[in-house]
């Protein structure tokens, strides 16, 4: 490489340390300078899950949520029976959303549908869709 050159590294893991060496030579190939540097890649920002109103259907009192996913992310649907409740509980959609966390398998990027079959007899329920990069 010459003066003002750059190099783009691809395929680096998120939130990982990397080390690289700068080596500069004079025109006659005698060592001029060497320097080892390090950096840590950034953790990617999480794309917000989108759940448009048209993605929610209710059949027989059971709501189903259908949404687009991003490859490599996990998703879960959480609920509260009242907004004043202090914590959200995961909607468990067997077999791929097991306890304790209720997270999905890692998405290949396909659309996903979740149904909350525990709503029978509930006068109201509030939901949020969460995404995580495992």
C-alpha atoms as a PDB file:
ATOM      1  CA  UNK A   1       0.000   0.000   0.000  1.00  0.00           C
ATOM      2  CA  UNK A   2       1.115   3.538  -0.585  1.00  0.00           C
ATOM      3  CA  UNK A   3       0.625   6.809   1.217  1.00  0.00           C
ATOM      4  CA  UNK A   4      -2.978   7.476   2.148  1.00  0.00           C
ATOM      5  CA  UNK A   5      -3.976   3.855   1.538  1.00  0.00           C
ATOM      6  CA  UNK A   6      -6.762   2.156   3.407  1.00  0.00           C
ATOM      7  CA  UNK A   7      -7.904  -1.383   4.000  1.00  0.00           C
ATOM      8  CA  UNK A   8     -11.438  -2.562   4.764  1.00  0.00           C
ATOM      9  CA  UNK A   9     -11.694  -5.694   6.893  1.00  0.00           C
ATOM     10  CA  UNK A  10     -14.882  -7.715   6.461  1.00  0.00           C
ATOM     11  CA  UNK A  11     -16.407 -10.596   8.411  1.00  0.00           C
ATOM     12  CA  UNK A  12     -15.456  -9.255  11.842  1.00  0.00           C
ATOM     13  CA  UNK A  13     -17.477 -10.384  14.854  1.00  0.00           C
ATOM     14  CA  UNK A  14     -19.420  -7.737  16.804  1.00  0.00           C
ATOM     15  CA  UNK A  15     -18.048  -6.577  20.159  1.00  0.00           C
ATOM     16  CA  UNK A  16     -14.704  -8.391  19.660  1.00  0.00           C
ATOM     17  CA  UNK A  17     -11.101  -7.181  20.070  1.00  0.00           C
ATOM     18  CA  UNK A  18      -8.753  -7.208  17.062  1.00  0.00           C
ATOM     19  CA  UNK A  19      -5.039  -6.387  16.726  1.00  0.00           C
ATOM     20  CA  UNK A  20      -3.188  -5.140  13.665  1.00  0.00           C
ATOM     21  CA  UNK A  21       0.321  -4.004  12.848  1.00  0.00           C
ATOM     22  CA  UNK A  22       1.465  -1.012  10.835  1.00  0.00           C
ATOM     23  CA  UNK A  23       4.793  -1.517   9.122  1.00  0.00           C
ATOM     24  CA  UNK A  24       6.418   1.193   7.040  1.00  0.00           C
ATOM     25  CA  UNK A  25       9.530   0.759   4.934  1.00  0.00           C
ATOM     26  CA  UNK A  26      11.805   3.259   3.226  1.00  0.00           C
ATOM     27  CA  UNK A  27      12.225   3.039  -0.520  1.00  0.00           C
ATOM     28  CA  UNK A  28      15.392   0.928  -0.051  1.00  0.00           C
ATOM     29  CA  UNK A  29      13.418  -1.637   2.027  1.00  0.00           C
ATOM     30  CA  UNK A  30      15.058  -0.837   5.346  1.00  0.00           C
ATOM     31  CA  UNK A  31      12.734  -0.889   8.340  1.00  0.00           C
ATOM     32  CA  UNK A  32      11.448   2.565   9.146  1.00  0.00           C
ATOM     33  CA  UNK A  33       8.651   2.048  11.685  1.00  0.00           C
ATOM     34  CA  UNK A  34       6.362  -0.597  13.122  1.00  0.00           C
ATOM     35  CA  UNK A  35       3.382  -0.137  15.424  1.00  0.00           C
ATOM     36  CA  UNK A  36       0.816  -2.563  16.868  1.00  0.00           C
ATOM     37  CA  UNK A  37      -2.670  -1.185  17.431  1.00  0.00           C
ATOM     38  CA  UNK A  38      -5.918  -2.702  18.650  1.00  0.00           C
ATOM     39  CA  UNK A  39      -9.602  -1.940  18.389  1.00  0.00           C
ATOM     40  CA  UNK A  40     -12.877  -3.484  19.463  1.00  0.00           C
ATOM     41  CA  UNK A  41     -15.707  -3.734  16.988  1.00  0.00           C
ATOM     42  CA  UNK A  42     -18.986  -2.091  17.903  1.00  0.00           C
ATOM     43  CA  UNK A  43     -22.060  -3.977  18.989  1.00  0.00           C
ATOM     44  CA  UNK A  44     -24.608  -3.524  16.216  1.00  0.00           C
ATOM     45  CA  UNK A  45     -27.632  -1.462  17.035  1.00  0.00           C
ATOM     46  CA  UNK A  46     -30.805  -3.432  17.317  1.00  0.00           C
ATOM     47  CA  UNK A  47     -33.365  -2.719  14.630  1.00  0.00           C
ATOM     48  CA  UNK A  48     -36.683  -1.948  16.281  1.00  0.00           C
ATOM     49  CA  UNK A  49     -39.233  -4.670  15.631  1.00  0.00           C
ATOM     50  CA  UNK A  50     -42.127  -3.381  13.592  1.00  0.00           C
ATOM     51  CA  UNK A  51     -45.610  -4.575  14.341  1.00  0.00           C
ATOM     52  CA  UNK A  52     -48.140  -2.696  12.207  1.00  0.00           C
ATOM     53  CA  UNK A  53     -51.761  -2.844  13.281  1.00  0.00           C
ATOM     54  CA  UNK A  54     -52.613  -4.844  10.177  1.00  0.00           C
ATOM     55  CA  UNK A  55     -50.277  -7.588  11.458  1.00  0.00           C
ATOM     56  CA  UNK A  56     -52.609  -8.420  14.351  1.00  0.00           C
ATOM     57  CA  UNK A  57     -55.538 -10.777  13.854  1.00  0.00           C
ATOM     58  CA  UNK A  58     -57.926 -12.211  16.441  1.00  0.00           C
ATOM     59  CA  UNK A  59     -59.667 -15.529  15.884  1.00  0.00           C
ATOM     60  CA  UNK A  60     -61.824 -17.069  18.615  1.00  0.00           C
ATOM     61  CA  UNK A  61     -60.429 -14.589  21.133  1.00  0.00           C
ATOM     62  CA  UNK A  62     -56.817 -15.595  20.381  1.00  0.00           C
ATOM     63  CA  UNK A  63     -54.597 -12.806  19.011  1.00  0.00           C
ATOM     64  CA  UNK A  64     -51.955 -13.687  16.422  1.00  0.00           C
ATOM     65  CA  UNK A  65     -49.085 -11.316  15.638  1.00  0.00           C
ATOM     66  CA  UNK A  66     -47.266 -11.640  12.292  1.00  0.00           C
ATOM     67  CA  UNK A  67     -44.142  -9.574  11.654  1.00  0.00           C
ATOM     68  CA  UNK A  68     -40.960  -9.342   9.603  1.00  0.00           C
ATOM     69  CA  UNK A  69     -37.702 -10.393  11.245  1.00  0.00           C
ATOM     70  CA  UNK A  70     -34.017  -9.678  10.715  1.00  0.00           C
ATOM     71  CA  UNK A  71     -31.689 -12.628  10.133  1.00  0.00           C
ATOM     72  CA  UNK A  72     -29.580 -13.460  13.193  1.00  0.00           C
ATOM     73  CA  UNK A  73     -31.934 -11.912  15.757  1.00  0.00           C
ATOM     74  CA  UNK A  74     -34.201 -13.566  18.345  1.00  0.00           C
ATOM     75  CA  UNK A  75     -37.697 -12.309  19.138  1.00  0.00           C
ATOM     76  CA  UNK A  76     -40.251 -12.564  21.881  1.00  0.00           C
ATOM     77  CA  UNK A  77     -43.698 -11.235  22.549  1.00  0.00           C
ATOM     78  CA  UNK A  78     -44.312 -10.005  26.086  1.00  0.00           C
ATOM     79  CA  UNK A  79     -47.550  -8.968  27.775  1.00  0.00           C
ATOM     80  CA  UNK A  80     -49.086  -7.172  30.748  1.00  0.00           C
ATOM     81  CA  UNK A  81     -52.680  -7.464  31.866  1.00  0.00           C
ATOM     82  CA  UNK A  82     -52.564  -3.840  33.096  1.00  0.00           C
ATOM     83  CA  UNK A  83     -50.165  -1.073  32.103  1.00  0.00           C
ATOM     84  CA  UNK A  84     -49.538  -0.374  35.796  1.00  0.00           C
ATOM     85  CA  UNK A  85     -48.061  -3.882  36.243  1.00  0.00           C
ATOM     86  CA  UNK A  86     -44.345  -3.623  37.046  1.00  0.00           C
ATOM     87  CA  UNK A  87     -43.032  -6.311  34.711  1.00  0.00           C
ATOM     88  CA  UNK A  88     -43.708  -7.868  31.332  1.00  0.00           C
ATOM     89  CA  UNK A  89     -44.224 -11.637  31.017  1.00  0.00           C
ATOM     90  CA  UNK A  90     -43.201 -13.580  27.924  1.00  0.00           C
ATOM     91  CA  UNK A  91     -45.878 -15.125  25.757  1.00  0.00           C
ATOM     92  CA  UNK A  92     -44.758 -18.718  25.499  1.00  0.00           C
ATOM     93  CA  UNK A  93     -45.406 -20.115  22.034  1.00  0.00           C
ATOM     94  CA  UNK A  94     -44.276 -23.758  22.110  1.00  0.00           C
ATOM     95  CA  UNK A  95     -42.173 -25.445  20.953  1.00  0.00           C
ATOM     96  CA  UNK A  96     -39.717 -22.766  19.842  1.00  0.00           C
ATOM     97  CA  UNK A  97     -40.179 -20.162  22.579  1.00  0.00           C
ATOM     98  CA  UNK A  98     -39.281 -22.016  25.780  1.00  0.00           C
ATOM     99  CA  UNK A  99     -39.191 -20.808  29.355  1.00  0.00           C
ATOM    100  CA  UNK A 100     -37.651 -19.082  31.186  1.00  0.00           C
ATOM    101  CA  UNK A 101     -37.141 -16.239  28.724  1.00  0.00           C
ATOM    102  CA  UNK A 102     -39.602 -17.081  25.974  1.00  0.00           C
ATOM    103  CA  UNK A 103     -37.151 -16.147  23.200  1.00  0.00           C
ATOM    104  CA  UNK A 104     -37.513 -17.561  19.722  1.00  0.00           C
ATOM    105  CA  UNK A 105     -34.881 -19.512  17.876  1.00  0.00           C
ATOM    106  CA  UNK A 106     -32.500 -17.325  15.866  1.00  0.00           C
ATOM    107  CA  UNK A 107     -34.380 -16.025  12.857  1.00  0.00           C
ATOM    108  CA  UNK A 108     -33.228 -16.752   9.308  1.00  0.00           C
ATOM    109  CA  UNK A 109     -34.982 -13.508   8.296  1.00  0.00           C
ATOM    110  CA  UNK A 110     -38.396 -14.987   7.493  1.00  0.00           C
ATOM    111  CA  UNK A 111     -41.733 -13.620   8.710  1.00  0.00           C
ATOM    112  CA  UNK A 112     -42.762 -14.895  12.142  1.00  0.00           C
ATOM    113  CA  UNK A 113     -46.195 -15.421  13.706  1.00  0.00           C
ATOM    114  CA  UNK A 114     -46.958 -15.681  17.427  1.00  0.00           C
ATOM    115  CA  UNK A 115     -50.291 -16.502  19.022  1.00  0.00           C
ATOM    116  CA  UNK A 116     -51.229 -15.879  22.648  1.00  0.00           C
ATOM    117  CA  UNK A 117     -53.535 -18.769  23.567  1.00  0.00           C
ATOM    118  CA  UNK A 118     -53.571 -17.751  27.254  1.00  0.00           C
ATOM    119  CA  UNK A 119     -55.860 -14.764  26.604  1.00  0.00           C
ATOM    120  CA  UNK A 120     -59.091 -16.709  27.018  1.00  0.00           C
ATOM    121  CA  UNK A 121     -61.041 -15.036  29.826  1.00  0.00           C
ATOM    122  CA  UNK A 122     -58.805 -11.942  29.914  1.00  0.00           C
ATOM    123  CA  UNK A 123     -60.756  -8.670  29.535  1.00  0.00           C
ATOM    124  CA  UNK A 124     -57.657  -6.890  28.199  1.00  0.00           C
ATOM    125  CA  UNK A 125     -53.961  -7.459  27.533  1.00  0.00           C
ATOM    126  CA  UNK A 126     -51.088  -5.209  26.433  1.00  0.00           C
ATOM    127  CA  UNK A 127     -48.215  -6.468  24.267  1.00  0.00           C
ATOM    128  CA  UNK A 128     -44.725  -5.491  23.246  1.00  0.00           C
ATOM    129  CA  UNK A 129     -42.485  -7.137  20.684  1.00  0.00           C
ATOM    130  CA  UNK A 130     -38.808  -7.435  21.634  1.00  0.00           C
ATOM    131  CA  UNK A 131     -35.732  -8.295  19.573  1.00  0.00           C
ATOM    132  CA  UNK A 132     -32.243  -9.352  20.678  1.00  0.00           C
ATOM    133  CA  UNK A 133     -28.997 -10.076  18.909  1.00  0.00           C
ATOM    134  CA  UNK A 134     -27.724 -13.186  20.665  1.00  0.00           C
END
